[in-house]
């Protein structure tokens, strides 16, 4: 049987984040007072729970989606924030 991939979320530890292996996660939580971590079977689930935790604790998101609205935008007014998403135009020379 092939072992399934797990993703480890460190909510509270030496470094907060999503890790691909227990070997990466363990040193960040071992003997850390108040360590809070959990494993997930998909990256999407791990990211969702990290976002929920950070939103509830700090009212921020771990990963915020970025979208392009106008690649030809040249003025500051062309950068907008709507419904929790940040829209940033890309510039090319």
C-alpha atoms as a PDB file:
ATOM      1  CA  UNK A   1       0.000   0.000   0.000  1.00  0.00           C
ATOM      2  CA  UNK A   2       1.306   3.434  -0.921  1.00  0.00           C
ATOM      3  CA  UNK A   3       1.268   5.852   2.003  1.00  0.00           C
ATOM      4  CA  UNK A   4      -0.854   8.919   1.343  1.00  0.00           C
ATOM      5  CA  UNK A   5       0.658  12.397   1.405  1.00  0.00           C
ATOM      6  CA  UNK A   6      -0.020  14.371   4.557  1.00  0.00           C
ATOM      7  CA  UNK A   7       0.333  18.074   5.147  1.00  0.00           C
ATOM      8  CA  UNK A   8       1.131  19.392   8.603  1.00  0.00           C
ATOM      9  CA  UNK A   9      -0.176  22.763   9.750  1.00  0.00           C
ATOM     10  CA  UNK A  10       1.643  24.496  12.590  1.00  0.00           C
ATOM     11  CA  UNK A  11      -0.843  26.955  14.040  1.00  0.00           C
ATOM     12  CA  UNK A  12       1.338  27.786  17.057  1.00  0.00           C
ATOM     13  CA  UNK A  13       5.005  26.821  17.197  1.00  0.00           C
ATOM     14  CA  UNK A  14       8.484  28.120  16.424  1.00  0.00           C
ATOM     15  CA  UNK A  15       7.391  28.902  12.865  1.00  0.00           C
ATOM     16  CA  UNK A  16       3.795  28.974  11.651  1.00  0.00           C
ATOM     17  CA  UNK A  17       2.999  27.389   8.287  1.00  0.00           C
ATOM     18  CA  UNK A  18       2.120  24.330   6.201  1.00  0.00           C
ATOM     19  CA  UNK A  19       4.735  21.590   5.882  1.00  0.00           C
ATOM     20  CA  UNK A  20       5.028  18.509   3.657  1.00  0.00           C
ATOM     21  CA  UNK A  21       6.434  16.093   6.233  1.00  0.00           C
ATOM     22  CA  UNK A  22       6.500  15.333   9.924  1.00  0.00           C
ATOM     23  CA  UNK A  23      10.302  15.700   9.793  1.00  0.00           C
ATOM     24  CA  UNK A  24       9.821  19.375   8.875  1.00  0.00           C
ATOM     25  CA  UNK A  25       7.038  19.923  11.403  1.00  0.00           C
ATOM     26  CA  UNK A  26       8.357  18.138  14.493  1.00  0.00           C
ATOM     27  CA  UNK A  27      11.271  20.480  15.367  1.00  0.00           C
ATOM     28  CA  UNK A  28       8.877  23.432  15.224  1.00  0.00           C
ATOM     29  CA  UNK A  29       6.494  22.017  17.837  1.00  0.00           C
ATOM     30  CA  UNK A  30       8.660  19.684  19.972  1.00  0.00           C
ATOM     31  CA  UNK A  31       8.877  21.048  23.531  1.00  0.00           C
ATOM     32  CA  UNK A  32       7.213  24.282  22.446  1.00  0.00           C
ATOM     33  CA  UNK A  33       4.826  25.350  25.196  1.00  0.00           C
ATOM     34  CA  UNK A  34       1.352  25.803  23.747  1.00  0.00           C
ATOM     35  CA  UNK A  35       2.191  24.150  20.415  1.00  0.00           C
ATOM     36  CA  UNK A  36      -0.839  23.682  18.200  1.00  0.00           C
ATOM     37  CA  UNK A  37      -0.588  21.572  15.051  1.00  0.00           C
ATOM     38  CA  UNK A  38      -2.576  19.102  12.963  1.00  0.00           C
ATOM     39  CA  UNK A  39      -2.199  16.924   9.859  1.00  0.00           C
ATOM     40  CA  UNK A  40      -4.441  16.965   6.780  1.00  0.00           C
ATOM     41  CA  UNK A  41      -4.707  14.704   3.726  1.00  0.00           C
ATOM     42  CA  UNK A  42      -4.929  17.557   1.198  1.00  0.00           C
ATOM     43  CA  UNK A  43      -3.100  20.859   0.855  1.00  0.00           C
ATOM     44  CA  UNK A  44      -6.414  22.616   0.279  1.00  0.00           C
ATOM     45  CA  UNK A  45      -7.782  21.391   3.628  1.00  0.00           C
ATOM     46  CA  UNK A  46      -4.573  22.431   5.381  1.00  0.00           C
ATOM     47  CA  UNK A  47      -4.701  25.881   3.806  1.00  0.00           C
ATOM     48  CA  UNK A  48      -8.405  26.262   4.642  1.00  0.00           C
ATOM     49  CA  UNK A  49      -7.846  25.443   8.326  1.00  0.00           C
ATOM     50  CA  UNK A  50      -4.804  27.733   8.534  1.00  0.00           C
ATOM     51  CA  UNK A  51      -6.859  30.567   7.032  1.00  0.00           C
ATOM     52  CA  UNK A  52      -9.717  29.914   9.467  1.00  0.00           C
ATOM     53  CA  UNK A  53      -7.334  29.901  12.433  1.00  0.00           C
ATOM     54  CA  UNK A  54      -5.596  33.128  11.394  1.00  0.00           C
ATOM     55  CA  UNK A  55      -8.887  34.823  10.531  1.00  0.00           C
ATOM     56  CA  UNK A  56     -10.369  33.941  13.926  1.00  0.00           C
ATOM     57  CA  UNK A  57      -7.239  34.933  15.851  1.00  0.00           C
ATOM     58  CA  UNK A  58      -5.894  37.936  13.933  1.00  0.00           C
ATOM     59  CA  UNK A  59      -8.540  38.742  11.304  1.00  0.00           C
ATOM     60  CA  UNK A  60      -6.019  38.046   8.498  1.00  0.00           C
ATOM     61  CA  UNK A  61      -5.592  35.371   5.832  1.00  0.00           C
ATOM     62  CA  UNK A  62      -2.559  33.142   5.243  1.00  0.00           C
ATOM     63  CA  UNK A  63      -3.007  33.134   1.460  1.00  0.00           C
ATOM     64  CA  UNK A  64      -5.099  35.711  -0.304  1.00  0.00           C
ATOM     65  CA  UNK A  65      -5.990  35.113  -3.958  1.00  0.00           C
ATOM     66  CA  UNK A  66      -4.708  37.682  -6.426  1.00  0.00           C
ATOM     67  CA  UNK A  67      -6.446  38.460  -9.695  1.00  0.00           C
ATOM     68  CA  UNK A  68      -5.511  40.612 -12.665  1.00  0.00           C
ATOM     69  CA  UNK A  69      -8.089  43.219 -13.610  1.00  0.00           C
ATOM     70  CA  UNK A  70      -6.219  45.252 -16.220  1.00  0.00           C
ATOM     71  CA  UNK A  71      -2.714  44.582 -17.489  1.00  0.00           C
ATOM     72  CA  UNK A  72      -2.581  48.107 -18.934  1.00  0.00           C
ATOM     73  CA  UNK A  73      -3.437  49.908 -15.688  1.00  0.00           C
ATOM     74  CA  UNK A  74      -0.965  52.673 -14.933  1.00  0.00           C
ATOM     75  CA  UNK A  75      -2.454  54.705 -12.097  1.00  0.00           C
ATOM     76  CA  UNK A  76      -2.878  54.031  -8.393  1.00  0.00           C
ATOM     77  CA  UNK A  77      -6.665  54.239  -8.738  1.00  0.00           C
ATOM     78  CA  UNK A  78      -6.469  51.090 -10.905  1.00  0.00           C
ATOM     79  CA  UNK A  79      -5.634  48.996  -7.818  1.00  0.00           C
ATOM     80  CA  UNK A  80      -8.869  48.016  -6.029  1.00  0.00           C
ATOM     81  CA  UNK A  81      -9.947  45.977  -3.022  1.00  0.00           C
ATOM     82  CA  UNK A  82     -13.311  44.242  -3.208  1.00  0.00           C
ATOM     83  CA  UNK A  83     -14.971  41.579  -1.026  1.00  0.00           C
ATOM     84  CA  UNK A  84     -11.761  40.529   0.687  1.00  0.00           C
ATOM     85  CA  UNK A  85      -9.880  40.068  -2.592  1.00  0.00           C
ATOM     86  CA  UNK A  86      -7.067  42.329  -3.678  1.00  0.00           C
ATOM     87  CA  UNK A  87      -6.799  43.090  -7.377  1.00  0.00           C
ATOM     88  CA  UNK A  88      -3.345  44.143  -8.539  1.00  0.00           C
ATOM     89  CA  UNK A  89      -2.591  45.040 -12.146  1.00  0.00           C
ATOM     90  CA  UNK A  90       0.630  43.760 -13.701  1.00  0.00           C
ATOM     91  CA  UNK A  91       2.966  46.126 -15.511  1.00  0.00           C
ATOM     92  CA  UNK A  92       5.282  45.269 -18.395  1.00  0.00           C
ATOM     93  CA  UNK A  93       7.902  47.505 -19.986  1.00  0.00           C
END
